[in-house]
Amino acid sequence: MKKVFAGLALFAATISVSSCATRESAINDLQNFSYELRDNSQYYTAKKWKKAVTKFGRIRREIARHDYTVAERQRIGKLEGDCARYMVRGAKDGVMDHVLGIGSEIQGILDAIGIKQ
């Protein structure tokens, strides 16, 4: 009987740790993406911007799958704002205008997080 309880406890601990790791990895992905945009977005071609918008959407969908504390939500909001700021700069530079639909896609993302261009 002790082995059954020990096995259940180990299983529960494994699930809770992996759940936290997944939640945190989604935030880490957003942070790394923000750093990527900060460091390299000024050199992006239209093709790279399209990939960046797709990646941003994927990361946001992953984040939406989890529940976060108020502090984590604030961190996520700051990181999303940073990403949006770099995207706005790219839009102002006109690079993204060369990709069909990319401007409206980015504007939709920015509108969703409350940033007007």
C-alpha atoms as a PDB file:
ATOM      1  CA  MET A   1       0.000   0.000   0.000  1.00  0.00           C
ATOM      2  CA  LYS A   2       2.870   2.369   0.791  1.00  0.00           C
ATOM      3  CA  LYS A   3       4.306   1.749  -2.681  1.00  0.00           C
ATOM      4  CA  VAL A   4       0.992   2.734  -4.287  1.00  0.00           C
ATOM      5  CA  PHE A   5       0.854   6.010  -2.325  1.00  0.00           C
ATOM      6  CA  ALA A   6       4.498   6.727  -3.050  1.00  0.00           C
ATOM      7  CA  GLY A   7       3.885   6.085  -6.759  1.00  0.00           C
ATOM      8  CA  LEU A   8       0.850   8.369  -6.776  1.00  0.00           C
ATOM      9  CA  ALA A   9       2.777  11.095  -4.952  1.00  0.00           C
ATOM     10  CA  LEU A  10       5.641  10.840  -7.431  1.00  0.00           C
ATOM     11  CA  PHE A  11       3.189  10.972 -10.350  1.00  0.00           C
ATOM     12  CA  ALA A  12       1.428  14.051  -8.927  1.00  0.00           C
ATOM     13  CA  ALA A  13       4.741  15.810  -8.321  1.00  0.00           C
ATOM     14  CA  THR A  14       5.899  15.051 -11.856  1.00  0.00           C
ATOM     15  CA  ILE A  15       2.706  16.442 -13.358  1.00  0.00           C
ATOM     16  CA  SER A  16       2.825  19.634 -11.289  1.00  0.00           C
ATOM     17  CA  VAL A  17       6.488  20.267 -12.123  1.00  0.00           C
ATOM     18  CA  SER A  18       5.993  19.638 -15.840  1.00  0.00           C
ATOM     19  CA  SER A  19       2.953  21.932 -15.849  1.00  0.00           C
ATOM     20  CA  CYS A  20       4.982  24.755 -14.296  1.00  0.00           C
ATOM     21  CA  ALA A  21       7.836  24.113 -16.698  1.00  0.00           C
ATOM     22  CA  THR A  22       5.469  24.351 -19.667  1.00  0.00           C
ATOM     23  CA  ARG A  23       3.933  27.572 -18.357  1.00  0.00           C
ATOM     24  CA  GLU A  24       7.334  29.085 -17.742  1.00  0.00           C
ATOM     25  CA  SER A  25       8.715  27.855 -21.063  1.00  0.00           C
ATOM     26  CA  ALA A  26       5.957  29.751 -22.885  1.00  0.00           C
ATOM     27  CA  ILE A  27       7.029  32.952 -21.114  1.00  0.00           C
ATOM     28  CA  ASN A  28      10.673  32.170 -21.852  1.00  0.00           C
ATOM     29  CA  ASP A  29       9.823  31.688 -25.539  1.00  0.00           C
ATOM     30  CA  LEU A  30       8.203  35.130 -25.560  1.00  0.00           C
ATOM     31  CA  GLN A  31      11.199  36.661 -23.806  1.00  0.00           C
ATOM     32  CA  ASN A  32      13.652  35.064 -26.246  1.00  0.00           C
ATOM     33  CA  PHE A  33      11.517  36.224 -29.172  1.00  0.00           C
ATOM     34  CA  SER A  34      11.539  39.759 -27.763  1.00  0.00           C
ATOM     35  CA  TYR A  35      15.342  39.642 -27.562  1.00  0.00           C
ATOM     36  CA  GLU A  36      15.509  38.319 -31.135  1.00  0.00           C
ATOM     37  CA  LEU A  37      13.388  41.204 -32.391  1.00  0.00           C
ATOM     38  CA  ARG A  38      15.367  43.716 -30.363  1.00  0.00           C
ATOM     39  CA  ASP A  39      18.685  42.523 -31.700  1.00  0.00           C
ATOM     40  CA  ASN A  40      17.836  41.640 -35.301  1.00  0.00           C
ATOM     41  CA  SER A  41      14.518  43.088 -36.493  1.00  0.00           C
ATOM     42  CA  GLN A  42      16.168  46.106 -38.105  1.00  0.00           C
ATOM     43  CA  TYR A  43      17.732  43.655 -40.580  1.00  0.00           C
ATOM     44  CA  TYR A  44      14.552  41.661 -41.303  1.00  0.00           C
ATOM     45  CA  THR A  45      13.388  41.106 -44.845  1.00  0.00           C
ATOM     46  CA  ALA A  46       9.697  40.766 -45.658  1.00  0.00           C
ATOM     47  CA  LYS A  47      10.076  36.979 -45.492  1.00  0.00           C
ATOM     48  CA  LYS A  48      11.599  37.127 -42.006  1.00  0.00           C
ATOM     49  CA  TRP A  49       8.850  39.483 -40.832  1.00  0.00           C
ATOM     50  CA  LYS A  50       6.225  37.030 -42.012  1.00  0.00           C
ATOM     51  CA  LYS A  51       7.936  34.250 -40.039  1.00  0.00           C
ATOM     52  CA  ALA A  52       8.190  36.550 -37.013  1.00  0.00           C
ATOM     53  CA  VAL A  53       4.464  37.326 -37.089  1.00  0.00           C
ATOM     54  CA  THR A  54       3.671  33.618 -37.337  1.00  0.00           C
ATOM     55  CA  LYS A  55       6.001  32.829 -34.444  1.00  0.00           C
ATOM     56  CA  PHE A  56       4.494  35.618 -32.315  1.00  0.00           C
ATOM     57  CA  GLY A  57       1.015  34.197 -32.924  1.00  0.00           C
ATOM     58  CA  ARG A  58       2.172  30.690 -31.991  1.00  0.00           C
ATOM     59  CA  ILE A  59       3.762  31.918 -28.771  1.00  0.00           C
ATOM     60  CA  ARG A  60       0.640  33.914 -27.842  1.00  0.00           C
ATOM     61  CA  ARG A  61      -1.564  30.845 -28.438  1.00  0.00           C
ATOM     62  CA  GLU A  62       0.689  28.773 -26.178  1.00  0.00           C
ATOM     63  CA  ILE A  63       0.544  31.436 -23.468  1.00  0.00           C
ATOM     64  CA  ALA A  64      -3.249  31.570 -23.732  1.00  0.00           C
ATOM     65  CA  ARG A  65      -3.409  27.864 -22.862  1.00  0.00           C
ATOM     66  CA  HIS A  66      -2.154  28.476 -19.323  1.00  0.00           C
ATOM     67  CA  ASP A  67      -3.298  30.320 -16.230  1.00  0.00           C
ATOM     68  CA  TYR A  68      -0.862  32.869 -14.845  1.00  0.00           C
ATOM     69  CA  THR A  69      -0.555  34.943 -11.707  1.00  0.00           C
ATOM     70  CA  VAL A  70      -0.986  38.707 -11.835  1.00  0.00           C
ATOM     71  CA  ALA A  71       2.800  39.187 -11.726  1.00  0.00           C
ATOM     72  CA  GLU A  72       3.297  36.711 -14.573  1.00  0.00           C
ATOM     73  CA  ARG A  73       0.573  38.456 -16.617  1.00  0.00           C
ATOM     74  CA  GLN A  74       2.348  41.772 -16.092  1.00  0.00           C
ATOM     75  CA  ARG A  75       5.617  40.243 -17.292  1.00  0.00           C
ATOM     76  CA  ILE A  76       3.847  38.754 -20.321  1.00  0.00           C
ATOM     77  CA  GLY A  77       2.212  42.098 -21.087  1.00  0.00           C
ATOM     78  CA  LYS A  78       5.549  43.898 -20.969  1.00  0.00           C
ATOM     79  CA  LEU A  79       7.170  41.335 -23.259  1.00  0.00           C
ATOM     80  CA  GLU A  80       4.258  41.451 -25.711  1.00  0.00           C
ATOM     81  CA  GLY A  81       4.480  45.236 -25.683  1.00  0.00           C
ATOM     82  CA  ASP A  82       8.181  45.051 -26.456  1.00  0.00           C
ATOM     83  CA  CYS A  83       7.502  42.704 -29.378  1.00  0.00           C
ATOM     84  CA  ALA A  84       4.721  44.963 -30.654  1.00  0.00           C
ATOM     85  CA  ARG A  85       7.009  47.987 -30.466  1.00  0.00           C
ATOM     86  CA  TYR A  86       9.584  46.267 -32.688  1.00  0.00           C
ATOM     87  CA  MET A  87       6.843  45.207 -35.101  1.00  0.00           C
ATOM     88  CA  VAL A  88       5.552  48.772 -35.315  1.00  0.00           C
ATOM     89  CA  ARG A  89       9.059  49.959 -36.131  1.00  0.00           C
ATOM     90  CA  GLY A  90       9.242  47.377 -38.900  1.00  0.00           C
ATOM     91  CA  ALA A  91       5.878  48.509 -40.227  1.00  0.00           C
ATOM     92  CA  LYS A  92       6.986  52.141 -40.195  1.00  0.00           C
ATOM     93  CA  ASP A  93      10.131  51.201 -42.117  1.00  0.00           C
ATOM     94  CA  GLY A  94       7.839  49.852 -44.835  1.00  0.00           C
ATOM     95  CA  VAL A  95       9.545  46.465 -45.054  1.00  0.00           C
ATOM     96  CA  MET A  96       6.386  44.581 -44.175  1.00  0.00           C
ATOM     97  CA  ASP A  97       4.316  46.349 -46.815  1.00  0.00           C
ATOM     98  CA  HIS A  98       5.912  44.062 -49.402  1.00  0.00           C
ATOM     99  CA  VAL A  99       4.215  40.980 -47.992  1.00  0.00           C
ATOM    100  CA  LEU A 100       0.559  40.485 -48.866  1.00  0.00           C
ATOM    101  CA  GLY A 101      -1.636  40.798 -45.831  1.00  0.00           C
ATOM    102  CA  ILE A 102       1.211  41.159 -43.380  1.00  0.00           C
ATOM    103  CA  GLY A 103       0.337  44.741 -42.491  1.00  0.00           C
ATOM    104  CA  SER A 104      -3.229  43.868 -41.575  1.00  0.00           C
ATOM    105  CA  GLU A 105      -2.039  40.791 -39.686  1.00  0.00           C
ATOM    106  CA  ILE A 106       0.311  42.857 -37.568  1.00  0.00           C
ATOM    107  CA  GLN A 107      -2.305  45.556 -37.080  1.00  0.00           C
ATOM    108  CA  GLY A 108      -4.723  42.878 -35.879  1.00  0.00           C
ATOM    109  CA  ILE A 109      -2.180  41.641 -33.344  1.00  0.00           C
ATOM    110  CA  LEU A 110      -1.455  45.170 -32.185  1.00  0.00           C
ATOM    111  CA  ASP A 111      -5.172  45.953 -31.884  1.00  0.00           C
ATOM    112  CA  ALA A 112      -5.679  42.774 -29.859  1.00  0.00           C
ATOM    113  CA  ILE A 113      -3.129  43.885 -27.292  1.00  0.00           C
ATOM    114  CA  GLY A 114      -4.324  47.483 -27.317  1.00  0.00           C
ATOM    115  CA  ILE A 115      -1.610  49.217 -29.324  1.00  0.00           C
ATOM    116  CA  LYS A 116      -2.718  51.596 -32.057  1.00  0.00           C
ATOM    117  CA  GLN A 117      -0.358  52.464 -34.885  1.00  0.00           C
END
